[in-house]
Amino acid sequence: MDYPTCSTTGNTNQRRTLFLQNPQQGQYYAGLVAMDDGGTASYNGLFLSIQKRLSHNVSVLANHTWQHCISDFWNI
């Protein structure tokens, strides 16, 4: 394959992989997004709230949030 040596915004499409492999059909493709159902992800979350009412119209409130996300798939 013959790759262009200079890069400009005017020849962006000519430097794309599909255009370089097949210039006649590759000109119809721009940005591609790949989707795959081979990944898994899980999300766990916990919210705790404790409230204690004291005398003389005083109360104490404490909150804690925990979250965790695990995934085995990332953008390529």
N, C-alpha and C. Protein backbone atom coordinates (compact mmCIF):
# COMPACT_ATOMS: atom_id res chain seq x y z
N MET A 1 0.83 -1.18 0.00
CA MET A 1 0.00 0.00 0.00
C MET A 1 0.87 1.24 0.00
N ASP A 2 0.37 2.26 -0.63
CA ASP A 2 1.07 3.53 -0.68
C ASP A 2 0.39 4.49 0.29
N TYR A 3 1.07 4.82 1.39
CA TYR A 3 0.53 5.71 2.39
C TYR A 3 0.99 7.14 2.12
N PRO A 4 0.10 8.11 2.29
CA PRO A 4 0.50 9.50 2.10
C PRO A 4 1.51 9.91 3.17
N THR A 5 2.44 10.75 2.79
CA THR A 5 3.48 11.16 3.73
C THR A 5 3.11 12.39 4.53
N CYS A 6 2.20 13.20 4.05
CA CYS A 6 1.82 14.42 4.76
C CYS A 6 0.38 14.29 5.27
N SER A 7 0.16 14.77 6.46
CA SER A 7 -1.17 14.71 7.07
C SER A 7 -1.73 16.11 7.21
N THR A 8 -2.91 16.31 6.65
CA THR A 8 -3.63 17.57 6.80
C THR A 8 -5.08 17.25 7.08
N THR A 9 -5.84 18.26 7.47
CA THR A 9 -7.27 18.02 7.67
C THR A 9 -7.97 17.79 6.34
N GLY A 10 -7.37 18.19 5.25
CA GLY A 10 -7.97 17.99 3.94
C GLY A 10 -7.91 16.55 3.45
N ASN A 11 -6.96 15.75 3.96
CA ASN A 11 -6.86 14.36 3.51
C ASN A 11 -7.12 13.36 4.64
N THR A 12 -7.94 13.77 5.60
CA THR A 12 -8.24 12.89 6.73
C THR A 12 -8.88 11.59 6.27
N ASN A 13 -9.89 11.67 5.41
CA ASN A 13 -10.56 10.45 4.96
C ASN A 13 -9.63 9.54 4.17
N GLN A 14 -8.68 10.11 3.44
CA GLN A 14 -7.76 9.30 2.65
C GLN A 14 -6.77 8.54 3.54
N ARG A 15 -6.65 8.92 4.80
CA ARG A 15 -5.74 8.23 5.71
C ARG A 15 -6.45 7.19 6.57
N ARG A 16 -7.75 7.05 6.44
CA ARG A 16 -8.48 6.07 7.24
C ARG A 16 -8.20 4.67 6.72
N THR A 17 -8.25 3.71 7.62
CA THR A 17 -7.88 2.33 7.29
C THR A 17 -8.71 1.76 6.15
N LEU A 18 -10.02 1.94 6.18
CA LEU A 18 -10.86 1.35 5.13
C LEU A 18 -10.62 2.01 3.78
N PHE A 19 -10.29 3.28 3.77
CA PHE A 19 -10.00 3.95 2.50
C PHE A 19 -8.69 3.43 1.93
N LEU A 20 -7.70 3.20 2.78
CA LEU A 20 -6.41 2.71 2.30
C LEU A 20 -6.52 1.29 1.76
N GLN A 21 -7.40 0.47 2.34
CA GLN A 21 -7.55 -0.90 1.87
C GLN A 21 -8.35 -0.99 0.59
N ASN A 22 -9.38 -0.14 0.45
CA ASN A 22 -10.24 -0.17 -0.72
C ASN A 22 -10.73 1.25 -0.99
N PRO A 23 -9.98 2.04 -1.76
CA PRO A 23 -10.33 3.45 -1.96
C PRO A 23 -11.70 3.69 -2.57
N GLN A 24 -12.19 2.78 -3.43
CA GLN A 24 -13.49 3.01 -4.07
C GLN A 24 -14.64 2.88 -3.08
N GLN A 25 -14.62 1.88 -2.21
CA GLN A 25 -15.70 1.70 -1.24
C GLN A 25 -15.38 2.36 0.11
N GLY A 26 -14.11 2.49 0.44
CA GLY A 26 -13.72 3.07 1.72
C GLY A 26 -14.07 4.53 1.87
N GLN A 27 -14.31 5.21 0.76
CA GLN A 27 -14.65 6.63 0.83
C GLN A 27 -16.02 6.86 1.46
N TYR A 28 -16.84 5.82 1.56
CA TYR A 28 -18.19 5.98 2.12
C TYR A 28 -18.23 5.79 3.63
N TYR A 29 -17.11 5.45 4.24
CA TYR A 29 -17.06 5.23 5.69
C TYR A 29 -16.24 6.33 6.34
N ALA A 30 -16.73 6.81 7.46
CA ALA A 30 -15.96 7.79 8.24
C ALA A 30 -15.65 7.14 9.58
N GLY A 31 -16.14 7.69 10.65
CA GLY A 31 -15.90 7.10 11.97
C GLY A 31 -16.72 5.84 12.17
N LEU A 32 -16.10 4.84 12.73
CA LEU A 32 -16.79 3.59 13.01
C LEU A 32 -16.79 3.34 14.51
N VAL A 33 -17.89 2.81 15.00
CA VAL A 33 -18.00 2.43 16.41
C VAL A 33 -18.20 0.93 16.45
N ALA A 34 -17.36 0.25 17.19
CA ALA A 34 -17.49 -1.20 17.30
C ALA A 34 -18.29 -1.53 18.55
N MET A 35 -19.22 -2.46 18.41
CA MET A 35 -19.99 -2.93 19.54
C MET A 35 -19.79 -4.43 19.67
N ASP A 36 -19.71 -4.88 20.89
CA ASP A 36 -19.47 -6.29 21.15
C ASP A 36 -20.22 -6.68 22.40
N ASP A 37 -20.89 -7.82 22.36
CA ASP A 37 -21.62 -8.27 23.54
C ASP A 37 -20.81 -9.25 24.37
N GLY A 38 -19.50 -9.26 24.20
CA GLY A 38 -18.64 -10.20 24.90
C GLY A 38 -18.18 -9.74 26.26
N GLY A 39 -18.54 -8.56 26.70
CA GLY A 39 -18.07 -8.05 27.99
C GLY A 39 -19.13 -8.20 29.07
N THR A 40 -18.70 -8.19 30.30
CA THR A 40 -19.62 -8.21 31.43
C THR A 40 -19.23 -7.11 32.41
N ALA A 41 -20.20 -6.65 33.15
CA ALA A 41 -19.96 -5.62 34.16
C ALA A 41 -20.92 -5.84 35.31
N SER A 42 -20.47 -5.47 36.50
CA SER A 42 -21.35 -5.53 37.67
C SER A 42 -21.16 -4.27 38.49
N TYR A 43 -22.23 -3.84 39.11
CA TYR A 43 -22.21 -2.63 39.93
C TYR A 43 -22.85 -2.97 41.27
N ASN A 44 -22.17 -2.61 42.35
CA ASN A 44 -22.70 -2.80 43.69
C ASN A 44 -22.66 -1.46 44.40
N GLY A 45 -23.69 -1.18 45.14
CA GLY A 45 -23.74 0.07 45.88
C GLY A 45 -24.41 -0.12 47.22
N LEU A 46 -24.03 0.71 48.18
CA LEU A 46 -24.59 0.64 49.53
C LEU A 46 -24.69 2.06 50.07
N PHE A 47 -25.83 2.38 50.62
CA PHE A 47 -26.03 3.68 51.25
C PHE A 47 -26.48 3.45 52.68
N LEU A 48 -25.74 3.95 53.64
CA LEU A 48 -26.08 3.83 55.05
C LEU A 48 -26.43 5.20 55.61
N SER A 49 -27.45 5.24 56.40
CA SER A 49 -27.85 6.48 57.05
C SER A 49 -28.23 6.17 58.49
N ILE A 50 -27.64 6.90 59.42
CA ILE A 50 -27.93 6.73 60.84
C ILE A 50 -28.36 8.09 61.39
N GLN A 51 -29.49 8.06 62.08
CA GLN A 51 -29.99 9.30 62.68
C GLN A 51 -30.29 9.04 64.15
N LYS A 52 -29.78 9.89 65.01
CA LYS A 52 -30.00 9.78 66.45
C LYS A 52 -30.60 11.09 66.94
N ARG A 53 -31.76 10.98 67.55
CA ARG A 53 -32.41 12.17 68.12
C ARG A 53 -31.99 12.29 69.58
N LEU A 54 -31.42 13.41 69.89
CA LEU A 54 -30.99 13.69 71.26
C LEU A 54 -31.99 14.63 71.92
N SER A 55 -31.75 14.94 73.15
CA SER A 55 -32.64 15.85 73.87
C SER A 55 -32.42 17.29 73.42
N HIS A 56 -33.34 18.15 73.78
CA HIS A 56 -33.29 19.59 73.49
C HIS A 56 -33.29 19.87 71.98
N ASN A 57 -34.07 19.11 71.21
CA ASN A 57 -34.24 19.31 69.77
C ASN A 57 -32.92 19.25 68.99
N VAL A 58 -32.04 18.37 69.39
CA VAL A 58 -30.77 18.17 68.70
C VAL A 58 -30.77 16.77 68.12
N SER A 59 -30.33 16.66 66.89
CA SER A 59 -30.21 15.33 66.27
C SER A 59 -28.88 15.24 65.53
N VAL A 60 -28.40 14.02 65.41
CA VAL A 60 -27.15 13.75 64.73
C VAL A 60 -27.47 12.84 63.55
N LEU A 61 -26.94 13.19 62.38
CA LEU A 61 -27.18 12.41 61.17
C LEU A 61 -25.85 12.08 60.52
N ALA A 62 -25.64 10.81 60.20
CA ALA A 62 -24.41 10.38 59.54
C ALA A 62 -24.78 9.54 58.32
N ASN A 63 -24.10 9.78 57.21
CA ASN A 63 -24.33 9.04 55.98
C ASN A 63 -23.02 8.49 55.45
N HIS A 64 -23.11 7.35 54.79
CA HIS A 64 -21.94 6.77 54.13
C HIS A 64 -22.41 6.10 52.84
N THR A 65 -21.71 6.34 51.77
CA THR A 65 -22.02 5.72 50.48
C THR A 65 -20.82 4.92 50.01
N TRP A 66 -21.07 3.69 49.57
CA TRP A 66 -20.02 2.83 49.02
C TRP A 66 -20.51 2.33 47.67
N GLN A 67 -19.63 2.36 46.69
CA GLN A 67 -19.98 1.86 45.36
C GLN A 67 -18.77 1.20 44.73
N HIS A 68 -19.04 0.22 43.88
CA HIS A 68 -17.96 -0.53 43.26
C HIS A 68 -18.45 -1.04 41.90
N CYS A 69 -17.67 -0.81 40.87
CA CYS A 69 -18.02 -1.26 39.53
C CYS A 69 -16.85 -2.07 38.98
N ILE A 70 -17.15 -3.26 38.47
CA ILE A 70 -16.14 -4.13 37.89
C ILE A 70 -16.56 -4.46 36.46
N SER A 71 -15.62 -4.34 35.53
CA SER A 71 -15.89 -4.64 34.13
C SER A 71 -14.68 -5.35 33.54
N ASP A 72 -14.94 -6.28 32.64
CA ASP A 72 -13.83 -6.98 31.98
C ASP A 72 -13.73 -6.59 30.51
N PHE A 73 -14.38 -5.49 30.13
CA PHE A 73 -14.36 -5.06 28.74
C PHE A 73 -14.01 -3.59 28.70
N TRP A 74 -13.22 -3.16 27.75
CA TRP A 74 -12.83 -1.77 27.62
C TRP A 74 -12.81 -1.40 26.15
N ASN A 75 -12.72 -0.13 25.87
CA ASN A 75 -12.66 0.35 24.48
C ASN A 75 -11.34 -0.05 23.85
N ILE A 76 -11.43 -0.50 22.64
CA ILE A 76 -10.22 -0.92 21.92
C ILE A 76 -9.75 0.21 21.04
